[in-house]
């Protein structure tokens, strides 16, 4: 189940990356397999971080809790 969830999350984020909303993303799974993953998204400067987080949270609503999604910027 973890592998299928990872593929589902990454395919959705990859589509978002192709559309130009995010530059990159990282999915980190905790040691316990039943816990939700931590998703870090590197957003583009053209979009506010909160807009990016809201979009990704809606996109991954049934896969990742909003509290596990973090949006950062490239330096």
PDB file of N, CA and C in Angstrom:
ATOM      1  N   UNK A   1       0.824  -1.190   0.000  1.00  0.00           N
ATOM      2  CA  UNK A   1       0.000   0.000   0.000  1.00  0.00           C
ATOM      3  C   UNK A   1       0.870   1.257   0.000  1.00  0.00           C
ATOM      4  N   UNK A   2       1.978   1.203   0.706  1.00  0.00           N
ATOM      5  CA  UNK A   2       2.857   2.369   0.768  1.00  0.00           C
ATOM      6  C   UNK A   2       3.383   2.723  -0.626  1.00  0.00           C
ATOM      7  N   UNK A   3       3.748   1.708  -1.394  1.00  0.00           N
ATOM      8  CA  UNK A   3       4.277   1.944  -2.741  1.00  0.00           C
ATOM      9  C   UNK A   3       3.218   2.559  -3.643  1.00  0.00           C
ATOM     10  N   UNK A   4       1.998   2.065  -3.574  1.00  0.00           N
ATOM     11  CA  UNK A   4       0.941   2.612  -4.430  1.00  0.00           C
ATOM     12  C   UNK A   4       0.599   4.055  -4.022  1.00  0.00           C
ATOM     13  N   UNK A   5       0.614   4.343  -2.713  1.00  0.00           N
ATOM     14  CA  UNK A   5       0.378   5.725  -2.264  1.00  0.00           C
ATOM     15  C   UNK A   5       1.493   6.644  -2.735  1.00  0.00           C
ATOM     16  N   UNK A   6       2.735   6.155  -2.671  1.00  0.00           N
ATOM     17  CA  UNK A   6       3.873   6.953  -3.113  1.00  0.00           C
ATOM     18  C   UNK A   6       3.754   7.272  -4.606  1.00  0.00           C
ATOM     19  N   UNK A   7       3.400   6.289  -5.391  1.00  0.00           N
ATOM     20  CA  UNK A   7       3.237   6.485  -6.832  1.00  0.00           C
ATOM     21  C   UNK A   7       2.105   7.471  -7.108  1.00  0.00           C
ATOM     22  N   UNK A   8       1.009   7.356  -6.377  1.00  0.00           N
ATOM     23  CA  UNK A   8      -0.118   8.270  -6.565  1.00  0.00           C
ATOM     24  C   UNK A   8       0.268   9.702  -6.205  1.00  0.00           C
ATOM     25  N   UNK A   9       0.951   9.878  -5.078  1.00  0.00           N
ATOM     26  CA  UNK A   9       1.388  11.208  -4.652  1.00  0.00           C
ATOM     27  C   UNK A   9       2.370  11.792  -5.657  1.00  0.00           C
ATOM     28  N   UNK A  10       3.373  11.008  -6.037  1.00  0.00           N
ATOM     29  CA  UNK A  10       4.405  11.526  -6.941  1.00  0.00           C
ATOM     30  C   UNK A  10       3.856  11.820  -8.331  1.00  0.00           C
ATOM     31  N   UNK A  11       2.917  11.038  -8.810  1.00  0.00           N
ATOM     32  CA  UNK A  11       2.355  11.315 -10.132  1.00  0.00           C
ATOM     33  C   UNK A  11       1.540  12.609 -10.124  1.00  0.00           C
ATOM     34  N   UNK A  12       0.818  12.870  -9.040  1.00  0.00           N
ATOM     35  CA  UNK A  12       0.069  14.129  -8.936  1.00  0.00           C
ATOM     36  C   UNK A  12       1.010  15.328  -8.839  1.00  0.00           C
ATOM     37  N   UNK A  13       2.071  15.183  -8.035  1.00  0.00           N
ATOM     38  CA  UNK A  13       3.030  16.276  -7.902  1.00  0.00           C
ATOM     39  C   UNK A  13       3.832  16.478  -9.183  1.00  0.00           C
ATOM     40  N   UNK A  14       4.115  15.405  -9.881  1.00  0.00           N
ATOM     41  CA  UNK A  14       4.839  15.527 -11.158  1.00  0.00           C
ATOM     42  C   UNK A  14       3.996  16.271 -12.190  1.00  0.00           C
ATOM     43  N   UNK A  15       2.699  16.021 -12.210  1.00  0.00           N
ATOM     44  CA  UNK A  15       1.812  16.750 -13.117  1.00  0.00           C
ATOM     45  C   UNK A  15       1.785  18.236 -12.756  1.00  0.00           C
ATOM     46  N   UNK A  16       1.782  18.538 -11.463  1.00  0.00           N
ATOM     47  CA  UNK A  16       1.814  19.929 -11.003  1.00  0.00           C
ATOM     48  C   UNK A  16       3.128  20.585 -11.393  1.00  0.00           C
ATOM     49  N   UNK A  17       4.196  19.820 -11.321  1.00  0.00           N
ATOM     50  CA  UNK A  17       5.512  20.325 -11.731  1.00  0.00           C
ATOM     51  C   UNK A  17       5.524  20.620 -13.232  1.00  0.00           C
ATOM     52  N   UNK A  18       4.935  19.752 -14.020  1.00  0.00           N
ATOM     53  CA  UNK A  18       4.873  19.956 -15.469  1.00  0.00           C
ATOM     54  C   UNK A  18       4.039  21.186 -15.829  1.00  0.00           C
ATOM     55  N   UNK A  19       3.031  21.484 -15.026  1.00  0.00           N
ATOM     56  CA  UNK A  19       2.189  22.664 -15.264  1.00  0.00           C
ATOM     57  C   UNK A  19       2.866  23.957 -14.834  1.00  0.00           C
ATOM     58  N   UNK A  20       3.946  23.850 -14.054  1.00  0.00           N
ATOM     59  CA  UNK A  20       4.716  25.030 -13.692  1.00  0.00           C
ATOM     60  C   UNK A  20       4.391  25.660 -12.349  1.00  0.00           C
ATOM     61  N   UNK A  21       3.614  24.997 -11.510  1.00  0.00           N
ATOM     62  CA  UNK A  21       3.297  25.558 -10.206  1.00  0.00           C
ATOM     63  C   UNK A  21       4.424  25.320  -9.202  1.00  0.00           C
ATOM     64  N   UNK A  22       5.109  24.195  -9.320  1.00  0.00           N
ATOM     65  CA  UNK A  22       6.211  23.877  -8.403  1.00  0.00           C
ATOM     66  C   UNK A  22       7.477  23.580  -9.187  1.00  0.00           C
ATOM     67  N   UNK A  23       8.633  23.831  -8.539  1.00  0.00           N
ATOM     68  CA  UNK A  23       9.920  23.512  -9.152  1.00  0.00           C
ATOM     69  C   UNK A  23      10.317  22.069  -8.879  1.00  0.00           C
ATOM     70  N   UNK A  24      10.103  21.611  -7.649  1.00  0.00           N
ATOM     71  CA  UNK A  24      10.479  20.252  -7.277  1.00  0.00           C
ATOM     72  C   UNK A  24       9.716  19.856  -6.023  1.00  0.00           C
ATOM     73  N   UNK A  25       9.851  18.616  -5.613  1.00  0.00           N
ATOM     74  CA  UNK A  25       9.179  18.118  -4.417  1.00  0.00           C
ATOM     75  C   UNK A  25       9.976  16.961  -3.831  1.00  0.00           C
ATOM     76  N   UNK A  26       9.702  16.667  -2.564  1.00  0.00           N
ATOM     77  CA  UNK A  26      10.348  15.544  -1.887  1.00  0.00           C
ATOM     78  C   UNK A  26       9.312  14.876  -0.992  1.00  0.00           C
ATOM     79  N   UNK A  27       9.271  13.566  -1.042  1.00  0.00           N
ATOM     80  CA  UNK A  27       8.352  12.777  -0.230  1.00  0.00           C
ATOM     81  C   UNK A  27       9.187  11.943   0.732  1.00  0.00           C
ATOM     82  N   UNK A  28       8.970  12.127   2.032  1.00  0.00           N
ATOM     83  CA  UNK A  28       9.727  11.385   3.046  1.00  0.00           C
ATOM     84  C   UNK A  28       8.743  10.591   3.895  1.00  0.00           C
ATOM     85  N   UNK A  29       8.955   9.285   3.936  1.00  0.00           N
ATOM     86  CA  UNK A  29       8.109   8.410   4.734  1.00  0.00           C
ATOM     87  C   UNK A  29       8.746   8.181   6.090  1.00  0.00           C
ATOM     88  N   UNK A  30       7.982   8.280   7.175  1.00  0.00           N
ATOM     89  CA  UNK A  30       8.528   7.981   8.503  1.00  0.00           C
ATOM     90  C   UNK A  30       8.770   6.477   8.657  1.00  0.00           C
ATOM     91  N   UNK A  31       9.457   6.121   9.709  1.00  0.00           N
ATOM     92  CA  UNK A  31       9.785   4.714   9.954  1.00  0.00           C
ATOM     93  C   UNK A  31       8.544   3.832  10.052  1.00  0.00           C
ATOM     94  N   UNK A  32       7.511   4.325  10.704  1.00  0.00           N
ATOM     95  CA  UNK A  32       6.279   3.552  10.840  1.00  0.00           C
ATOM     96  C   UNK A  32       5.525   3.587   9.515  1.00  0.00           C
ATOM     97  N   UNK A  33       5.217   2.450   8.969  1.00  0.00           N
ATOM     98  CA  UNK A  33       4.605   2.400   7.642  1.00  0.00           C
ATOM     99  C   UNK A  33       3.163   2.904   7.607  1.00  0.00           C
ATOM    100  N   UNK A  34       2.506   2.976   8.745  1.00  0.00           N
ATOM    101  CA  UNK A  34       1.116   3.418   8.750  1.00  0.00           C
ATOM    102  C   UNK A  34       0.962   4.932   8.837  1.00  0.00           C
ATOM    103  N   UNK A  35       2.039   5.632   9.109  1.00  0.00           N
ATOM    104  CA  UNK A  35       1.982   7.094   9.206  1.00  0.00           C
ATOM    105  C   UNK A  35       2.016   7.726   7.817  1.00  0.00           C
ATOM    106  N   UNK A  36       1.440   8.905   7.732  1.00  0.00           N
ATOM    107  CA  UNK A  36       1.423   9.644   6.462  1.00  0.00           C
ATOM    108  C   UNK A  36       2.816  10.185   6.149  1.00  0.00           C
ATOM    109  N   UNK A  37       3.131  10.362   4.879  1.00  0.00           N
ATOM    110  CA  UNK A  37       4.442  10.904   4.520  1.00  0.00           C
ATOM    111  C   UNK A  37       4.514  12.409   4.750  1.00  0.00           C
ATOM    112  N   UNK A  38       5.724  12.906   4.806  1.00  0.00           N
ATOM    113  CA  UNK A  38       5.977  14.340   4.903  1.00  0.00           C
ATOM    114  C   UNK A  38       6.353  14.813   3.499  1.00  0.00           C
ATOM    115  N   UNK A  39       5.633  15.786   2.974  1.00  0.00           N
ATOM    116  CA  UNK A  39       5.857  16.260   1.610  1.00  0.00           C
ATOM    117  C   UNK A  39       6.390  17.694   1.661  1.00  0.00           C
ATOM    118  N   UNK A  40       7.553  17.893   1.056  1.00  0.00           N
ATOM    119  CA  UNK A  40       8.130  19.221   0.936  1.00  0.00           C
ATOM    120  C   UNK A  40       8.068  19.622  -0.528  1.00  0.00           C
ATOM    121  N   UNK A  41       7.478  20.770  -0.792  1.00  0.00           N
ATOM    122  CA  UNK A  41       7.316  21.259  -2.156  1.00  0.00           C
ATOM    123  C   UNK A  41       8.131  22.534  -2.306  1.00  0.00           C
ATOM    124  N   UNK A  42       8.933  22.608  -3.348  1.00  0.00           N
ATOM    125  CA  UNK A  42       9.671  23.831  -3.658  1.00  0.00           C
ATOM    126  C   UNK A  42       8.828  24.599  -4.666  1.00  0.00           C
ATOM    127  N   UNK A  43       8.204  25.672  -4.178  1.00  0.00           N
ATOM    128  CA  UNK A  43       7.300  26.454  -5.014  1.00  0.00           C
ATOM    129  C   UNK A  43       8.035  27.484  -5.855  1.00  0.00           C
ATOM    130  N   UNK A  44       7.363  27.954  -6.856  1.00  0.00           N
ATOM    131  CA  UNK A  44       7.914  29.001  -7.712  1.00  0.00           C
ATOM    132  C   UNK A  44       7.647  30.364  -7.092  1.00  0.00           C
ATOM    133  N   UNK A  45       8.531  31.295  -7.345  1.00  0.00           N
ATOM    134  CA  UNK A  45       8.403  32.639  -6.784  1.00  0.00           C
ATOM    135  C   UNK A  45       7.210  33.399  -7.382  1.00  0.00           C
ATOM    136  N   UNK A  46       6.754  33.001  -8.537  1.00  0.00           N
ATOM    137  CA  UNK A  46       5.625  33.681  -9.186  1.00  0.00           C
ATOM    138  C   UNK A  46       4.308  33.475  -8.437  1.00  0.00           C
ATOM    139  N   UNK A  47       4.250  32.439  -7.591  1.00  0.00           N
ATOM    140  CA  UNK A  47       3.023  32.135  -6.857  1.00  0.00           C
ATOM    141  C   UNK A  47       3.282  32.252  -5.359  1.00  0.00           C
ATOM    142  N   UNK A  48       2.367  32.857  -4.616  1.00  0.00           N
ATOM    143  CA  UNK A  48       2.534  32.925  -3.164  1.00  0.00           C
ATOM    144  C   UNK A  48       2.575  31.521  -2.547  1.00  0.00           C
ATOM    145  N   UNK A  49       3.342  31.375  -1.480  1.00  0.00           N
ATOM    146  CA  UNK A  49       3.502  30.068  -0.829  1.00  0.00           C
ATOM    147  C   UNK A  49       2.167  29.507  -0.350  1.00  0.00           C
ATOM    148  N   UNK A  50       1.294  30.365   0.161  1.00  0.00           N
ATOM    149  CA  UNK A  50       0.008  29.882   0.666  1.00  0.00           C
ATOM    150  C   UNK A  50      -0.880  29.360  -0.463  1.00  0.00           C
ATOM    151  N   UNK A  51      -0.826  29.991  -1.622  1.00  0.00           N
ATOM    152  CA  UNK A  51      -1.596  29.506  -2.778  1.00  0.00           C
ATOM    153  C   UNK A  51      -1.095  28.130  -3.194  1.00  0.00           C
ATOM    154  N   UNK A  52       0.225  27.976  -3.241  1.00  0.00           N
ATOM    155  CA  UNK A  52       0.817  26.692  -3.598  1.00  0.00           C
ATOM    156  C   UNK A  52       0.424  25.623  -2.590  1.00  0.00           C
ATOM    157  N   UNK A  53       0.507  25.941  -1.299  1.00  0.00           N
ATOM    158  CA  UNK A  53       0.156  24.960  -0.264  1.00  0.00           C
ATOM    159  C   UNK A  53      -1.308  24.568  -0.351  1.00  0.00           C
ATOM    160  N   UNK A  54      -2.179  25.549  -0.554  1.00  0.00           N
ATOM    161  CA  UNK A  54      -3.611  25.247  -0.665  1.00  0.00           C
ATOM    162  C   UNK A  54      -3.889  24.327  -1.851  1.00  0.00           C
ATOM    163  N   UNK A  55      -3.254  24.610  -2.980  1.00  0.00           N
ATOM    164  CA  UNK A  55      -3.462  23.776  -4.168  1.00  0.00           C
ATOM    165  C   UNK A  55      -2.979  22.352  -3.931  1.00  0.00           C
ATOM    166  N   UNK A  56      -1.770  22.220  -3.392  1.00  0.00           N
ATOM    167  CA  UNK A  56      -1.203  20.886  -3.141  1.00  0.00           C
ATOM    168  C   UNK A  56      -2.023  20.150  -2.085  1.00  0.00           C
ATOM    169  N   UNK A  57      -2.491  20.854  -1.071  1.00  0.00           N
ATOM    170  CA  UNK A  57      -3.313  20.222  -0.033  1.00  0.00           C
ATOM    171  C   UNK A  57      -4.605  19.668  -0.616  1.00  0.00           C
ATOM    172  N   UNK A  58      -5.224  20.402  -1.507  1.00  0.00           N
ATOM    173  CA  UNK A  58      -6.445  19.914  -2.163  1.00  0.00           C
ATOM    174  C   UNK A  58      -6.119  18.738  -3.081  1.00  0.00           C
ATOM    175  N   UNK A  59      -5.016  18.847  -3.798  1.00  0.00           N
ATOM    176  CA  UNK A  59      -4.596  17.794  -4.724  1.00  0.00           C
ATOM    177  C   UNK A  59      -4.317  16.470  -4.011  1.00  0.00           C
ATOM    178  N   UNK A  60      -3.740  16.564  -2.820  1.00  0.00           N
ATOM    179  CA  UNK A  60      -3.353  15.368  -2.070  1.00  0.00           C
ATOM    180  C   UNK A  60      -4.255  15.108  -0.867  1.00  0.00           C
ATOM    181  N   UNK A  61      -5.449  15.659  -0.866  1.00  0.00           N
ATOM    182  CA  UNK A  61      -6.333  15.640   0.305  1.00  0.00           C
ATOM    183  C   UNK A  61      -6.544  14.250   0.899  1.00  0.00           C
ATOM    184  N   UNK A  62      -6.790  13.257   0.111  1.00  0.00           N
ATOM    185  CA  UNK A  62      -7.061  11.929   0.657  1.00  0.00           C
ATOM    186  C   UNK A  62      -5.791  11.097   0.855  1.00  0.00           C
ATOM    187  N   UNK A  63      -4.627  11.664   0.530  1.00  0.00           N
ATOM    188  CA  UNK A  63      -3.360  10.927   0.650  1.00  0.00           C
ATOM    189  C   UNK A  63      -2.430  11.455   1.743  1.00  0.00           C
ATOM    190  N   UNK A  64      -2.415  12.780   1.920  1.00  0.00           N
ATOM    191  CA  UNK A  64      -1.492  13.415   2.865  1.00  0.00           C
ATOM    192  C   UNK A  64      -2.247  14.494   3.640  1.00  0.00           C
ATOM    193  N   UNK A  65      -2.161  14.488   4.980  1.00  0.00           N
ATOM    194  CA  UNK A  65      -2.787  15.568   5.748  1.00  0.00           C
ATOM    195  C   UNK A  65      -2.091  16.908   5.474  1.00  0.00           C
ATOM    196  N   UNK A  66      -2.838  17.976   5.545  1.00  0.00           N
ATOM    197  CA  UNK A  66      -2.298  19.309   5.269  1.00  0.00           C
ATOM    198  C   UNK A  66      -1.121  19.636   6.185  1.00  0.00           C
ATOM    199  N   UNK A  67      -1.155  19.193   7.421  1.00  0.00           N
ATOM    200  CA  UNK A  67      -0.069  19.485   8.367  1.00  0.00           C
ATOM    201  C   UNK A  67       1.259  18.855   7.955  1.00  0.00           C
ATOM    202  N   UNK A  68       1.233  17.886   7.060  1.00  0.00           N
ATOM    203  CA  UNK A  68       2.450  17.210   6.593  1.00  0.00           C
ATOM    204  C   UNK A  68       2.989  17.810   5.294  1.00  0.00           C
ATOM    205  N   UNK A  69       2.401  18.905   4.820  1.00  0.00           N
ATOM    206  CA  UNK A  69       2.838  19.558   3.591  1.00  0.00           C
ATOM    207  C   UNK A  69       3.518  20.867   3.931  1.00  0.00           C
ATOM    208  N   UNK A  70       4.736  21.043   3.413  1.00  0.00           N
ATOM    209  CA  UNK A  70       5.511  22.260   3.645  1.00  0.00           C
ATOM    210  C   UNK A  70       5.920  22.822   2.291  1.00  0.00           C
ATOM    211  N   UNK A  71       5.776  24.138   2.126  1.00  0.00           N
ATOM    212  CA  UNK A  71       6.182  24.798   0.894  1.00  0.00           C
ATOM    213  C   UNK A  71       7.406  25.668   1.198  1.00  0.00           C
ATOM    214  N   UNK A  72       8.462  25.486   0.430  1.00  0.00           N
ATOM    215  CA  UNK A  72       9.677  26.289   0.575  1.00  0.00           C
ATOM    216  C   UNK A  72       9.960  26.981  -0.751  1.00  0.00           C
ATOM    217  N   UNK A  73      10.992  27.811  -0.755  1.00  0.00           N
ATOM    218  CA  UNK A  73      11.430  28.509  -1.970  1.00  0.00           C
ATOM    219  C   UNK A  73      12.889  28.203  -2.219  1.00  0.00           C
ATOM    220  N   UNK A  74      13.303  28.262  -3.482  1.00  0.00           N
ATOM    221  CA  UNK A  74      14.722  28.156  -3.806  1.00  0.00           C
ATOM    222  C   UNK A  74      15.420  29.427  -3.377  1.00  0.00           C
ATOM    223  N   UNK A  75      16.648  29.291  -2.896  1.00  0.00           N
ATOM    224  CA  UNK A  75      17.376  30.490  -2.485  1.00  0.00           C
ATOM    225  C   UNK A  75      18.179  31.076  -3.613  1.00  0.00           C
TER     226      UNK A  75
END
